[in-house]
Protein backbone atom coordinates (compact mmCIF):
# COMPACT_ATOMS: atom_id res chain seq x y z
CA UNK A 1 0.00 0.00 0.00
CA UNK A 2 2.76 2.46 0.93
CA UNK A 3 4.64 1.51 -2.23
CA UNK A 4 1.58 2.42 -4.30
CA UNK A 5 1.25 5.79 -2.60
CA UNK A 6 4.96 6.50 -3.04
CA UNK A 7 4.78 5.47 -6.72
CA UNK A 8 1.76 7.68 -7.31
CA UNK A 9 3.44 10.64 -5.64
CA UNK A 10 6.63 10.07 -7.64
CA UNK A 11 4.67 9.98 -10.90
CA UNK A 12 2.70 13.03 -9.86
CA UNK A 13 5.80 15.04 -9.01
CA UNK A 14 7.63 13.90 -12.13
CA UNK A 15 4.77 14.73 -14.44
CA UNK A 16 4.07 18.01 -12.71
CA UNK A 17 7.72 19.02 -12.96
CA UNK A 18 7.85 18.26 -16.67
CA UNK A 19 4.59 20.00 -17.54
CA UNK A 20 4.77 22.90 -15.07
CA UNK A 21 4.57 25.52 -17.84
CA UNK A 22 1.92 23.75 -19.92
CA UNK A 23 -1.66 24.60 -20.74
CA UNK A 24 -4.69 24.14 -18.52
CA UNK A 25 -5.67 20.67 -19.78
CA UNK A 26 -2.38 19.19 -18.63
CA UNK A 27 -2.63 21.03 -15.31
CA UNK A 28 -6.18 19.77 -14.80
CA UNK A 29 -5.07 16.21 -15.49
CA UNK A 30 -2.20 16.44 -13.01
CA UNK A 31 -4.66 17.89 -10.50
CA UNK A 32 -6.74 14.74 -10.89
CA UNK A 33 -3.66 12.63 -10.09
CA UNK A 34 -3.05 14.77 -7.02
CA UNK A 35 -6.65 14.49 -5.90
CA UNK A 36 -6.58 10.70 -6.31
CA UNK A 37 -3.37 10.45 -4.31
CA UNK A 38 -4.95 12.46 -1.50
CA UNK A 39 -7.94 10.13 -1.45
CA UNK A 40 -5.60 7.15 -1.15
CA UNK A 41 -3.93 8.88 1.79
CA UNK A 42 -7.32 9.45 3.40
CA UNK A 43 -8.08 5.71 3.22
CA UNK A 44 -10.37 5.85 0.17
CA UNK A 45 -8.08 3.45 -1.68
CA UNK A 46 -10.45 2.16 -4.38
CA UNK A 47 -11.75 5.58 -5.31
CA UNK A 48 -8.29 7.15 -5.06
CA UNK A 49 -6.58 4.54 -7.23
CA UNK A 50 -9.28 4.86 -9.89
CA UNK A 51 -9.04 8.66 -9.98
CA UNK A 52 -5.24 8.56 -9.96
CA UNK A 53 -5.14 6.07 -12.83
CA UNK A 54 -7.55 8.16 -14.88
CA UNK A 55 -5.53 11.27 -14.08
CA UNK A 56 -2.28 9.63 -15.15
CA UNK A 57 -3.85 8.48 -18.42
CA UNK A 58 -5.29 11.92 -19.09
CA UNK A 59 -1.96 13.55 -18.24
CA UNK A 60 -0.17 11.33 -20.73
CA UNK A 61 -2.73 12.05 -23.47
CA UNK A 62 -2.83 15.80 -22.91
CA UNK A 63 0.94 15.94 -22.50
CA UNK A 64 1.40 14.14 -25.81
CA UNK A 65 -0.98 16.53 -27.55
CA UNK A 66 0.83 19.52 -26.09
CA UNK A 67 4.23 18.12 -27.04
CA UNK A 68 3.01 17.48 -30.58
CA UNK A 69 1.85 21.07 -30.88
CA UNK A 70 5.16 22.37 -29.57
CA UNK A 71 7.14 20.15 -31.97
CA UNK A 72 4.99 21.31 -34.86
CA UNK A 73 5.61 24.94 -33.90
CA UNK A 74 9.33 24.29 -33.62
CA UNK A 75 9.35 22.64 -37.04
CA UNK A 76 7.58 25.61 -38.58
CA UNK A 77 10.00 28.00 -36.90
CA UNK A 78 12.99 26.06 -38.25
CA UNK A 79 11.54 25.71 -41.76
CA UNK A 80 12.82 29.02 -43.19
CA UNK A 81 16.31 28.30 -41.88
CA UNK A 82 16.22 24.82 -43.39
CA UNK A 83 15.26 26.24 -46.77
CA UNK A 84 18.01 28.80 -46.47
CA UNK A 85 20.53 26.11 -45.57
CA UNK A 86 19.41 24.04 -48.57
CA UNK A 87 19.75 27.00 -50.87
CA UNK A 88 23.23 27.69 -49.50
CA UNK A 89 24.20 24.05 -50.02
CA UNK A 90 22.83 24.09 -53.57
CA UNK A 91 24.71 27.29 -54.38
CA UNK A 92 27.92 25.85 -52.94
CA UNK A 93 27.51 22.64 -54.93
CA UNK A 94 26.95 24.62 -58.13
CA UNK A 95 30.01 26.77 -57.45
CA UNK A 96 32.09 23.66 -56.74
CA UNK A 97 30.85 22.07 -59.97
CA UNK A 98 31.82 25.19 -61.90
CA UNK A 99 35.29 25.14 -60.32
CA UNK A 100 35.81 21.48 -61.24
CA UNK A 101 34.66 22.12 -64.81
CA UNK A 102 36.97 25.12 -65.10
CA UNK A 103 39.90 23.14 -63.69
CA UNK A 104 39.52 20.31 -66.20
CA UNK A 105 38.90 22.73 -69.08
CA UNK A 106 42.20 24.51 -68.34
CA UNK A 107 44.00 21.20 -67.79
CA UNK A 108 43.03 19.73 -71.14
CA UNK A 109 43.12 22.92 -73.17
CA UNK A 110 46.95 23.18 -72.97
């Protein structure tokens, strides 16, 4: 029983620490974990475990959604730089190709 309470608290603190700056849905889900853990501590084990489990599941789902949104935003923010890097690479490759062509043209023209 104590191991379950300790595990729940560890998950709750870990999840809360990771998602501390996240939106309200993640905070609400972690609140449900917290509420379930308190019920377990008050002796309402069945009810507390059920609420905690639902809260953990909801936290994972909402956290994944939030992470997906943040990754998408990061990808969009990096997109112009990626295009710029590609253009730079393409220009460098073209310049290198021109240098190689010029080198061989001079080599065989003598």
